[in-house]
Protein backbone atom coordinates (compact mmCIF):
# COMPACT_ATOMS: atom_id res chain seq x y z
CA UNK A 1 59.75 43.33 83.17
CA UNK A 2 60.41 45.41 79.91
CA UNK A 3 57.14 44.46 77.98
CA UNK A 4 55.39 45.83 81.62
CA UNK A 5 57.03 49.35 81.52
CA UNK A 6 56.18 49.72 77.95
CA UNK A 7 52.35 48.92 78.32
CA UNK A 8 52.41 51.16 81.15
CA UNK A 9 54.25 54.09 79.40
CA UNK A 10 51.95 53.37 76.53
CA UNK A 11 48.60 53.85 78.38
CA UNK A 12 49.98 56.68 80.67
CA UNK A 13 47.36 59.59 80.96
CA UNK A 14 48.60 62.72 79.24
CA UNK A 15 49.24 65.61 81.32
CA UNK A 16 45.95 67.45 82.26
CA UNK A 17 48.16 70.78 80.07
CA UNK A 18 47.31 68.42 76.73
CA UNK A 19 44.61 66.83 77.05
CA UNK A 20 41.90 68.84 74.60
CA UNK A 21 44.66 70.81 73.16
CA UNK A 22 43.81 71.12 69.64
CA UNK A 23 44.61 73.89 66.92
CA UNK A 24 44.99 72.20 63.76
CA UNK A 25 45.31 74.90 61.04
CA UNK A 26 45.48 78.62 60.78
CA UNK A 27 43.46 80.20 62.99
CA UNK A 28 42.48 76.91 64.87
CA UNK A 29 39.76 74.62 64.71
CA UNK A 30 37.08 76.80 63.92
CA UNK A 31 39.16 78.69 61.34
CA UNK A 32 38.57 82.15 63.15
CA UNK A 33 41.13 82.60 65.77
CA UNK A 34 38.18 81.29 68.80
CA UNK A 35 39.66 79.00 71.80
CA UNK A 36 36.88 80.71 74.22
CA UNK A 37 37.43 77.99 76.95
CA UNK A 38 41.11 78.41 77.26
CA UNK A 39 42.58 80.06 80.08
CA UNK A 40 45.52 81.34 79.10
CA UNK A 41 47.80 84.08 81.23
CA UNK A 42 47.49 88.04 80.12
CA UNK A 43 50.91 88.68 81.37
CA UNK A 44 54.34 87.12 80.65
CA UNK A 45 57.64 88.67 79.43
CA UNK A 46 60.77 87.01 77.93
CA UNK A 47 61.67 85.18 80.86
CA UNK A 48 57.90 84.69 82.98
CA UNK A 49 55.63 82.31 82.04
CA UNK A 50 57.61 80.46 79.41
CA UNK A 51 56.79 77.10 79.86
CA UNK A 52 59.47 76.28 77.53
CA UNK A 53 61.56 77.11 74.57
CA UNK A 54 63.37 75.10 71.70
CA UNK A 55 65.78 76.15 68.81
CA UNK A 56 64.16 75.92 65.25
CA UNK A 57 66.60 76.34 62.32
CA UNK A 58 65.70 78.17 59.42
CA UNK A 59 63.09 80.93 58.74
CA UNK A 60 59.20 80.20 58.42
CA UNK A 61 56.19 82.41 59.14
CA UNK A 62 53.94 79.58 59.13
CA UNK A 63 51.99 79.18 62.59
CA UNK A 64 52.30 76.06 64.84
CA UNK A 65 49.45 73.38 64.37
CA UNK A 66 48.72 71.34 67.62
CA UNK A 67 47.34 67.28 67.81
CA UNK A 68 47.51 64.79 70.07
CA UNK A 69 49.87 65.89 72.42
CA UNK A 70 52.30 67.48 69.34
CA UNK A 71 53.04 70.28 68.08
CA UNK A 72 54.20 70.56 64.09
CA UNK A 73 55.90 73.41 62.55
CA UNK A 74 57.18 74.20 59.00
CA UNK A 75 60.53 76.19 58.08
CA UNK A 76 63.05 77.22 55.02
CA UNK A 77 66.56 75.78 56.59
CA UNK A 78 69.49 77.11 54.20
CA UNK A 79 72.01 74.52 53.56
CA UNK A 80 75.09 76.28 51.30
CA UNK A 81 72.94 76.89 48.10
CA UNK A 82 70.32 75.48 49.01
CA UNK A 83 66.90 75.93 50.72
CA UNK A 84 65.80 72.82 53.13
CA UNK A 85 62.11 73.16 53.41
CA UNK A 86 61.32 70.92 56.26
CA UNK A 87 58.48 69.77 58.78
CA UNK A 88 59.29 69.49 62.85
CA UNK A 89 57.74 67.71 65.35
CA UNK A 90 57.52 68.31 69.19
CA UNK A 91 56.01 67.50 72.24
CA UNK A 92 53.63 69.97 73.39
CA UNK A 93 54.48 69.43 77.17
CA UNK A 94 57.67 69.68 77.50
CA UNK A 95 59.00 70.99 73.59
CA UNK A 96 61.16 67.48 73.26
CA UNK A 97 61.81 67.18 69.49
CA UNK A 98 60.21 64.61 68.14
CA UNK A 99 61.22 64.24 64.25
CA UNK A 100 62.52 66.66 61.75
CA UNK A 101 61.98 65.53 57.79
CA UNK A 102 63.07 66.87 54.83
CA UNK A 103 59.90 67.93 52.65
CA UNK A 104 61.65 69.80 49.58
CA UNK A 105 64.91 70.91 48.53
CA UNK A 106 65.07 73.95 46.06
CA UNK A 107 67.58 76.87 45.22
CA UNK A 108 67.78 79.93 47.03
CA UNK A 109 65.81 82.32 45.27
CA UNK A 110 64.29 86.36 45.98
CA UNK A 111 61.19 86.92 48.26
CA UNK A 112 59.70 89.55 50.02
CA UNK A 113 61.96 91.25 53.35
CA UNK A 114 58.83 90.65 55.24
CA UNK A 115 58.11 87.08 54.23
CA UNK A 116 59.60 83.58 54.27
CA UNK A 117 60.11 80.32 52.08
CA UNK A 118 57.42 78.42 54.47
CA UNK A 119 54.56 80.55 55.49
CA UNK A 120 51.49 78.56 54.87
CA UNK A 121 50.55 76.87 57.90
CA UNK A 122 50.16 73.07 57.74
CA UNK A 123 46.34 71.10 58.66
CA UNK A 124 46.19 68.13 60.68
CA UNK A 125 43.63 65.64 60.50
CA UNK A 126 43.19 61.95 61.46
CA UNK A 127 47.15 61.24 61.92
CA UNK A 128 48.31 63.33 58.58
CA UNK A 129 50.23 66.32 58.36
CA UNK A 130 49.50 68.20 55.23
CA UNK A 131 52.24 70.76 54.50
CA UNK A 132 52.08 73.37 51.76
CA UNK A 133 54.99 75.46 50.32
CA UNK A 134 53.09 77.31 47.58
CA UNK A 135 54.58 76.87 43.87
CA UNK A 136 57.39 74.96 45.57
CA UNK A 137 55.01 71.60 46.64
CA UNK A 138 52.49 69.88 48.70
CA UNK A 139 52.85 66.80 50.21
CA UNK A 140 51.21 64.70 53.09
CA UNK A 141 53.38 63.09 55.67
CA UNK A 142 52.48 60.71 58.50
CA UNK A 143 52.58 62.93 61.72
CA UNK A 144 53.34 60.13 64.06
CA UNK A 145 56.68 59.61 62.54
CA UNK A 146 57.00 62.35 59.53
CA UNK A 147 57.03 60.01 57.03
CA UNK A 148 55.67 61.24 53.55
CA UNK A 149 53.16 59.76 52.26
CA UNK A 150 52.67 61.54 49.22
CA UNK A 151 54.13 64.68 47.50
CA UNK A 152 52.58 67.36 44.69
CA UNK A 153 55.22 69.21 42.35
CA UNK A 154 52.80 69.38 39.15
CA UNK A 155 51.39 72.61 40.03
CA UNK A 156 53.82 75.29 38.78
CA UNK A 157 53.35 78.88 38.92
CA UNK A 158 55.39 82.29 39.09
CA UNK A 159 54.82 83.47 42.41
CA UNK A 160 55.37 87.04 43.66
CA UNK A 161 57.24 88.05 46.84
CA UNK A 162 57.50 84.15 47.71
CA UNK A 163 54.29 81.85 49.25
CA UNK A 164 51.48 82.84 51.87
CA UNK A 165 48.47 81.30 51.71
CA UNK A 166 47.38 77.95 53.57
CA UNK A 167 45.35 75.72 52.60
CA UNK A 168 41.65 74.08 53.86
CA UNK A 169 40.83 70.41 54.37
CA UNK A 170 36.99 69.73 53.15
CA UNK A 171 35.74 66.25 51.90
CA UNK A 172 38.65 64.90 51.33
CA UNK A 173 40.31 67.52 49.53
CA UNK A 174 42.90 70.08 50.28
CA UNK A 175 41.67 73.35 48.86
CA UNK A 176 44.47 76.38 48.48
CA UNK A 177 44.69 79.24 45.93
CA UNK A 178 47.85 79.84 43.13
CA UNK A 179 47.45 83.49 43.06
CA UNK A 180 50.90 84.30 41.18
CA UNK A 181 52.11 86.58 38.91
CA UNK A 182 49.60 85.62 35.61
CA UNK A 183 47.07 83.25 35.44
CA UNK A 184 45.88 82.44 38.88
CA UNK A 185 43.67 79.68 39.51
CA UNK A 186 42.15 77.69 42.78
CA UNK A 187 42.83 74.01 43.21
CA UNK A 188 42.08 70.98 45.00
CA UNK A 189 43.66 67.82 45.70
CA UNK A 190 42.68 64.74 46.50
CA UNK A 191 43.65 64.23 50.62
CA UNK A 192 44.40 60.61 49.99
CA UNK A 193 47.45 60.27 47.39
CA UNK A 194 47.91 64.29 46.36
CA UNK A 195 46.26 64.10 43.01
CA UNK A 196 44.39 67.06 41.51
CA UNK A 197 41.02 66.84 41.88
CA UNK A 198 39.85 69.97 40.50
CA UNK A 199 41.42 73.32 39.15
CA UNK A 200 39.38 76.35 38.41
CA UNK A 201 41.12 79.52 36.96
CA UNK A 202 40.26 82.76 38.62
CA UNK A 203 39.02 84.39 35.44
CA UNK A 204 38.85 88.40 37.52
CA UNK A 205 40.31 91.12 35.55
CA UNK A 206 42.77 92.85 37.45
CA UNK A 207 46.46 94.35 37.07
CA UNK A 208 48.39 92.89 39.80
CA UNK A 209 47.10 89.11 40.32
CA UNK A 210 49.09 87.92 42.86
CA UNK A 211 47.69 87.28 46.46
CA UNK A 212 48.26 85.19 49.56
CA UNK A 213 44.73 84.32 50.75
CA UNK A 214 43.41 81.42 52.66
CA UNK A 215 40.39 79.40 52.06
CA UNK A 216 37.19 80.03 54.56
CA UNK A 217 35.08 76.84 54.11
CA UNK A 218 31.51 77.73 55.02
CA UNK A 219 27.80 76.25 54.86
CA UNK A 220 24.88 77.96 53.34
CA UNK A 221 21.44 76.31 52.87
CA UNK A 222 23.13 73.30 54.13
CA UNK A 223 25.41 73.52 50.91
CA UNK A 224 29.13 73.44 51.61
CA UNK A 225 31.07 76.82 50.12
CA UNK A 226 35.09 77.31 49.84
CA UNK A 227 34.96 81.35 49.84
CA UNK A 228 38.56 82.44 48.49
CA UNK A 229 39.72 86.08 48.34
CA UNK A 230 41.85 87.10 45.56
CA UNK A 231 43.19 89.98 43.72
CA UNK A 232 40.20 91.82 42.58
CA UNK A 233 37.38 89.82 44.12
CA UNK A 234 36.26 87.34 46.83
CA UNK A 235 35.10 84.24 44.94
CA UNK A 236 32.84 81.08 46.62
CA UNK A 237 33.70 77.69 45.01
CA UNK A 238 31.74 74.51 45.29
CA UNK A 239 34.46 72.26 47.42
CA UNK A 240 33.75 69.12 45.69
CA UNK A 241 34.13 70.15 42.26
CA UNK A 242 35.54 73.95 41.68
CA UNK A 243 32.49 75.31 39.99
CA UNK A 244 32.15 79.21 40.89
CA UNK A 245 28.89 79.83 43.24
CA UNK A 246 29.60 83.44 43.36
CA UNK A 247 31.80 86.46 43.30
CA UNK A 248 32.24 90.05 44.72
CA UNK A 249 34.73 92.59 43.33
CA UNK A 250 36.34 94.63 44.75
CA UNK A 251 38.43 96.88 42.08
CA UNK A 252 42.35 96.64 42.47
CA UNK A 253 42.86 94.97 46.02
CA UNK A 254 46.10 93.19 45.47
CA UNK A 255 48.26 90.62 47.90
CA UNK A 256 45.28 89.73 49.53
CA UNK A 257 46.33 88.07 53.22
CA UNK A 258 43.60 88.21 55.59
CA UNK A 259 41.35 85.13 56.05
CA UNK A 260 37.47 85.83 55.74
CA UNK A 261 34.90 85.34 58.74
CA UNK A 262 31.47 83.97 58.78
CA UNK A 263 28.80 84.49 60.74
CA UNK A 264 24.76 84.36 60.70
CA UNK A 265 24.85 84.39 56.71
CA UNK A 266 27.88 87.03 56.28
CA UNK A 267 30.87 86.69 54.93
CA UNK A 268 33.73 89.67 55.99
CA UNK A 269 36.29 89.88 54.30
CA UNK A 270 39.49 92.43 53.65
CA UNK A 271 40.26 93.98 50.03
CA UNK A 272 44.33 93.63 50.58
CA UNK A 273 46.38 96.26 49.38
CA UNK A 274 45.79 99.28 47.37
CA UNK A 275 42.95 100.81 49.52
CA UNK A 276 42.60 98.22 51.68
CA UNK A 277 38.27 97.91 52.50
CA UNK A 278 36.60 95.68 54.83
CA UNK A 279 33.29 94.48 53.14
CA UNK A 280 29.82 92.47 54.93
CA UNK A 281 28.52 90.69 51.82
CA UNK A 282 25.62 87.94 51.99
CA UNK A 283 26.89 84.25 51.02
CA UNK A 284 23.76 83.60 49.74
CA UNK A 285 23.58 84.53 46.23
CA UNK A 286 24.68 83.54 43.01
CA UNK A 287 26.36 84.75 39.99
CA UNK A 288 28.08 88.51 40.48
CA UNK A 289 26.50 89.63 43.62
CA UNK A 290 28.50 92.93 43.82
CA UNK A 291 25.62 95.06 43.38
CA UNK A 292 23.25 93.13 45.56
CA UNK A 293 24.83 91.25 48.19
CA UNK A 294 26.55 94.17 50.29
CA UNK A 295 25.89 94.59 53.86
CA UNK A 296 27.84 97.32 54.43
CA UNK A 297 31.60 98.50 53.89
CA UNK A 298 34.41 100.08 56.29
CA UNK A 299 37.15 101.89 54.63
CA UNK A 300 39.45 103.19 57.65
CA UNK A 301 42.31 101.29 58.92
CA UNK A 302 41.57 98.22 57.38
CA UNK A 303 44.22 95.29 57.93
CA UNK A 304 46.46 94.21 54.86
CA UNK A 305 48.05 91.06 56.34
CA UNK A 306 46.34 90.32 59.93
CA UNK A 307 42.71 89.02 59.85
CA UNK A 308 39.74 90.36 61.63
CA UNK A 309 38.19 88.40 64.31
CA UNK A 310 34.41 88.32 65.87
CA UNK A 311 33.45 88.30 69.24
CA UNK A 312 29.67 88.36 70.17
CA UNK A 313 28.08 91.03 67.75
CA UNK A 314 31.05 93.17 67.42
CA UNK A 315 34.00 92.92 64.87
CA UNK A 316 37.60 94.04 66.08
CA UNK A 317 40.70 93.98 63.43
CA UNK A 318 44.01 96.09 63.62
CA UNK A 319 46.11 97.77 60.51
CA UNK A 320 49.30 97.04 60.28
CA UNK A 321 50.52 99.84 62.18
CA UNK A 322 48.44 98.80 65.26
CA UNK A 323 45.45 101.06 65.10
CA UNK A 324 42.58 98.89 66.79
CA UNK A 325 39.04 98.92 65.28
CA UNK A 326 35.98 97.80 66.91
CA UNK A 327 32.32 97.75 64.67
CA UNK A 328 28.61 96.20 64.81
CA UNK A 329 29.31 93.13 63.02
CA UNK A 330 25.51 93.92 61.40
CA UNK A 331 25.74 97.30 60.71
CA UNK A 332 29.15 98.40 60.38
CA UNK A 333 28.27 101.57 63.17
CA UNK A 334 31.86 102.07 64.67
CA UNK A 335 32.65 101.90 68.27
CA UNK A 336 36.23 102.95 68.64
CA UNK A 337 39.27 103.39 66.54
CA UNK A 338 42.32 103.10 69.08
CA UNK A 339 45.89 102.60 69.12
CA UNK A 340 47.30 99.24 70.41
CA UNK A 341 50.76 100.79 71.09
CA UNK A 342 53.42 102.80 69.89
CA UNK A 343 55.08 100.47 67.72
CA UNK A 344 53.28 98.82 65.08
CA UNK A 345 54.32 96.15 62.71
CA UNK A 346 51.26 94.41 62.69
CA UNK A 347 50.99 90.83 60.83
CA UNK A 348 49.95 88.16 62.67
CA UNK A 349 46.20 87.59 63.15
CA UNK A 350 44.10 87.92 66.65
CA UNK A 351 43.38 85.18 68.68
CA UNK A 352 40.41 85.50 71.09
CA UNK A 353 40.80 83.11 74.57
CA UNK A 354 39.42 83.15 77.91
CA UNK A 355 37.53 86.43 77.28
CA UNK A 356 40.46 88.42 75.78
CA UNK A 357 41.54 89.42 72.87
CA UNK A 358 45.38 88.97 72.19
CA UNK A 359 47.10 91.20 69.29
CA UNK A 360 50.43 89.98 68.65
CA UNK A 361 53.21 92.48 66.79
CA UNK A 362 56.36 91.36 64.97
CA UNK A 363 58.45 92.93 67.83
CA UNK A 364 57.36 90.37 69.80
CA UNK A 365 54.41 92.30 71.35
CA UNK A 366 51.48 91.49 72.22
CA UNK A 367 48.58 93.50 73.79
CA UNK A 368 45.88 91.72 75.64
CA UNK A 369 42.11 94.03 75.15
CA UNK A 370 38.88 93.22 76.33
CA UNK A 371 36.67 92.20 73.82
CA UNK A 372 34.02 95.39 75.02
CA UNK A 373 31.87 98.26 73.02
CA UNK A 374 34.63 100.53 74.27
CA UNK A 375 38.21 100.32 74.55
CA UNK A 376 40.05 98.42 77.36
CA UNK A 377 43.91 97.25 77.33
CA UNK A 378 44.29 95.01 79.70
CA UNK A 379 48.08 94.27 79.39
CA UNK A 380 51.10 94.73 77.29
CA UNK A 381 53.92 92.07 77.37
CA UNK A 382 57.37 91.82 75.43
CA UNK A 383 58.49 88.75 74.49
CA UNK A 384 61.75 90.25 73.36
CA UNK A 385 61.80 88.24 69.64
CA UNK A 386 61.05 89.66 65.97
CA UNK A 387 58.20 87.02 64.59
CA UNK A 388 55.23 87.28 62.30
CA UNK A 389 53.37 84.02 63.20
CA UNK A 390 50.20 83.94 64.62
CA UNK A 391 49.70 82.12 67.57
CA UNK A 392 48.20 78.86 68.44
CA UNK A 393 45.90 78.37 71.34
CA UNK A 394 46.45 75.59 73.72
CA UNK A 395 44.16 75.49 77.22
CA UNK A 396 46.42 77.44 79.14
CA UNK A 397 48.48 79.22 76.98
CA UNK A 398 50.10 79.72 73.79
CA UNK A 399 52.33 78.24 71.18
CA UNK A 400 54.37 81.12 69.07
CA UNK A 401 57.04 80.65 66.71
CA UNK A 402 59.70 83.52 66.36
CA UNK A 403 62.79 84.00 64.24
CA UNK A 404 64.52 81.42 65.92
CA UNK A 405 62.64 79.48 68.37
CA UNK A 406 59.66 78.01 69.33
CA UNK A 407 58.01 78.76 72.46
CA UNK A 408 54.84 77.51 74.98
CA UNK A 409 53.74 80.33 77.30
CA UNK A 410 52.05 79.55 79.97
CA UNK A 411 51.98 78.77 83.41
């Protein structure tokens, strides 16, 4: 009888809301915030359309990732004078905690008030979860039970304001930027054992070397590129060996956070703090392409923290104060510039799902907008909890991490 029950459980079909749910890295499976086939609600509140809500100890601004019916988050929990850098897994269907694993332990240190010690988003692939805590270390975990497969703590650097950039996985290599106080570099770890596959210095002359960018893997002329913004320039590297392919300089831009976008041969990249600009750059060059490959540039209300999003032939981006801009992605022509709400405080990157754009601010307010050439606001929803994490999308809703909880929004 026990064997029959176990077999019945093992082969029981997953709920419909779990089937097809995958959000394996920062900004989702296509790394651009898109989940066009999803049908999430456009309205909710702190008590309405909350499928489940569970407490998560500690503080983290990493986004949830979703795979195989589970949700994974990282966190940094204070324990006396130490911080426990942890990874947790929950059932997607009902929020039941599956496992909770300490990956690293460190002393509590200074950090920017808007940052956390667990801001990079994990990457899930083939039953493994890759978790990254910046200069504090990187690890691979078995996604089924949280057991640690390997750790890498041999890449020290001096951070400024903490950590932020998430890794990208390509060709069996986990690629990320280490843009700290000095001597910034990008690195690839072998996904199988965590050893260093290659390490390339930035070699960009800039006053402030620290940034928090996430690589974007693209393909140009059948060859892969790892596009990684940093202070002073965006650089494309060969993900197989770390060789620099091209660079586009943007002066003294620093503390770069937004993840780039790629469409029809063009990379869209923000230049970070200082005077933030958005550049559209052709990705088919070699060497320094600053003077040859710029398609267009925008200097108004460009985000310093959230990432832009492309829908059709339009690019949308909101600055930190909540001013939403819509431009022609091919020419840079401005269609509109409107305020999302009267609050501001935008750090999370937007998502596109079910024909709508969702913009989430730090106070837990999500503004829903139609991706049209004119500004069409559909709804404004108040969750009532502070948080800087970006949404993860499931077929019928969202997962969001707040300061104290993990929530599933949906019917």
